[in-house]
C-alpha cells in the first residue's frame, strides 16, 4: 500500500507492506517453477505445448488461478492468434505510444513504465 505525504507542494511516497494477503501476479513458466510454495496466486503464461505439460505436472500448479495459453496448437486449424502482447508492461507501453508522454514530464518512457509496474506491483 502506498501512503502519500503532501507538504508545501512536495509529494513523498511511503510504501507500507500489507502482510497476510496473497499477491496476484502474472508470471512465465520459468518464473513459476522457481517460486517457493506459499499463499500467492498466479496466472502462468504458457508458450508451447511442452510448457503446458511441464506446468500441469508441477506440484504447485494448483496455486495458479489461470493458465494463459500463448501459442497456437496444431488442433486449432485456421485459428489466427492476436499478435498483440497483453502483458501489463506491454499495455503500458502501448498507452504511452498512443497518448504520448505528459507534456511537462521529464520522465522517459522507461521511467513511466517502471512507475506503472511499481504502482501495479507487476512482476
Protein backbone atom coordinates (compact mmCIF):
# COMPACT_ATOMS: atom_id res chain seq x y z
CA UNK A 1 0.00 0.00 0.00
CA UNK A 2 1.28 3.48 -0.78
CA UNK A 3 0.92 6.36 1.65
CA UNK A 4 1.28 9.81 0.09
CA UNK A 5 2.57 12.71 2.19
CA UNK A 6 1.93 16.12 0.62
CA UNK A 7 3.66 19.13 2.14
CA UNK A 8 4.42 22.53 0.58
CA UNK A 9 3.82 21.22 -2.92
CA UNK A 10 6.16 18.24 -2.49
CA UNK A 11 4.94 14.66 -2.55
CA UNK A 12 6.62 11.84 -0.67
CA UNK A 13 5.55 8.21 -1.15
CA UNK A 14 5.97 5.68 1.64
CA UNK A 15 5.41 2.02 0.78
CA UNK A 16 3.81 0.04 3.59
CA UNK A 17 3.83 -3.74 3.20
CA UNK A 18 0.46 -5.41 3.60
CA UNK A 19 1.29 -8.69 5.25
CA UNK A 20 -1.10 -11.59 5.44
CA UNK A 21 -2.59 -11.01 1.99
CA UNK A 22 -1.66 -13.10 -1.05
CA UNK A 23 -0.21 -11.41 -4.11
CA UNK A 24 -1.78 -11.93 -7.52
CA UNK A 25 0.84 -12.00 -10.27
CA UNK A 26 1.29 -12.95 -13.92
CA UNK A 27 4.49 -14.95 -14.47
CA UNK A 28 6.18 -17.10 -17.08
CA UNK A 29 6.51 -20.85 -16.51
CA UNK A 30 10.23 -20.46 -15.73
CA UNK A 31 9.44 -17.90 -13.00
CA UNK A 32 6.62 -20.09 -11.66
CA UNK A 33 8.92 -23.13 -11.40
CA UNK A 34 11.42 -21.13 -9.31
CA UNK A 35 8.85 -19.92 -6.77
CA UNK A 36 8.50 -21.40 -3.31
CA UNK A 37 5.13 -22.65 -2.13
CA UNK A 38 3.07 -20.01 -0.38
CA UNK A 39 -0.29 -18.28 -0.43
CA UNK A 40 0.28 -16.20 -3.56
CA UNK A 41 -1.84 -16.80 -6.66
CA UNK A 42 -0.63 -16.73 -10.24
CA UNK A 43 -1.59 -16.51 -13.88
CA UNK A 44 1.02 -18.57 -15.70
CA UNK A 45 1.86 -17.81 -19.33
CA UNK A 46 2.46 -20.99 -21.32
CA UNK A 47 4.21 -20.53 -24.67
CA UNK A 48 4.21 -24.11 -26.01
CA UNK A 49 2.53 -27.49 -25.54
CA UNK A 50 5.72 -28.68 -23.81
CA UNK A 51 5.41 -25.85 -21.26
CA UNK A 52 1.75 -26.80 -20.69
CA UNK A 53 2.81 -30.39 -19.96
CA UNK A 54 5.51 -29.20 -17.53
CA UNK A 55 3.05 -26.82 -15.86
CA UNK A 56 0.36 -29.42 -15.20
CA UNK A 57 2.99 -31.91 -13.94
CA UNK A 58 4.30 -29.29 -11.47
CA UNK A 59 3.28 -29.93 -7.86
CA UNK A 60 2.30 -26.27 -7.40
CA UNK A 61 0.04 -25.98 -10.44
CA UNK A 62 -2.93 -25.71 -8.09
CA UNK A 63 -1.66 -22.28 -6.98
CA UNK A 64 -2.31 -20.89 -10.43
CA UNK A 65 -5.69 -19.25 -10.86
CA UNK A 66 -5.34 -19.40 -14.62
CA UNK A 67 -3.10 -20.84 -17.30
CA UNK A 68 -2.70 -18.45 -20.24
CA UNK A 69 -2.07 -20.31 -23.49
CA UNK A 70 0.10 -18.02 -25.62
CA UNK A 71 0.61 -20.41 -28.51
CA UNK A 72 -1.32 -21.95 -31.38
CA UNK A 73 -1.98 -25.66 -31.11
CA UNK A 74 -1.97 -27.92 -34.16
CA UNK A 75 -5.54 -28.96 -33.37
CA UNK A 76 -6.82 -25.44 -33.89
CA UNK A 77 -6.77 -25.25 -37.67
CA UNK A 78 -7.36 -21.81 -39.22
CA UNK A 79 -7.18 -20.02 -35.86
CA UNK A 80 -5.28 -16.76 -36.05
CA UNK A 81 -3.66 -15.66 -32.80
CA UNK A 82 -3.72 -12.00 -31.90
CA UNK A 83 -0.11 -10.81 -32.21
CA UNK A 84 -0.66 -8.08 -29.63
CA UNK A 85 1.07 -8.80 -26.34
CA UNK A 86 -1.27 -8.47 -23.37
CA UNK A 87 1.24 -8.42 -20.54
CA UNK A 88 0.74 -5.38 -18.27
CA UNK A 89 4.09 -3.87 -19.31
CA UNK A 90 3.11 -4.11 -22.99
CA UNK A 91 -0.23 -2.43 -22.25
CA UNK A 92 1.59 0.44 -20.50
CA UNK A 93 3.92 0.90 -23.49
CA UNK A 94 1.01 0.91 -25.98
CA UNK A 95 -0.79 3.55 -23.88
CA UNK A 96 2.34 5.75 -23.87
CA UNK A 97 2.78 5.36 -27.64
CA UNK A 98 -0.87 6.18 -28.28
CA UNK A 99 -1.20 9.14 -25.91
CA UNK A 100 2.41 10.31 -25.69
CA UNK A 101 4.42 11.38 -22.68
CA UNK A 102 2.94 14.04 -20.36
CA UNK A 103 3.92 17.49 -21.71
CA UNK A 104 5.57 18.76 -18.52
CA UNK A 105 7.17 15.43 -17.68
CA UNK A 106 10.92 14.92 -17.55
CA UNK A 107 10.39 11.16 -17.31
CA UNK A 108 11.34 8.83 -20.11
CA UNK A 109 9.13 6.02 -21.38
CA UNK A 110 11.19 3.54 -19.33
CA UNK A 111 10.68 5.64 -16.18
CA UNK A 112 6.90 5.78 -16.73
CA UNK A 113 6.74 2.03 -17.29
CA UNK A 114 8.79 1.50 -14.12
CA UNK A 115 6.37 3.70 -12.15
CA UNK A 116 3.39 1.83 -13.62
CA UNK A 117 4.94 -1.50 -12.69
CA UNK A 118 5.65 -0.24 -9.17
CA UNK A 119 2.10 1.05 -8.70
CA UNK A 120 0.56 -2.10 -10.12
CA UNK A 121 3.09 -4.42 -8.48
CA UNK A 122 3.69 -6.04 -11.84
CA UNK A 123 6.41 -8.67 -11.56
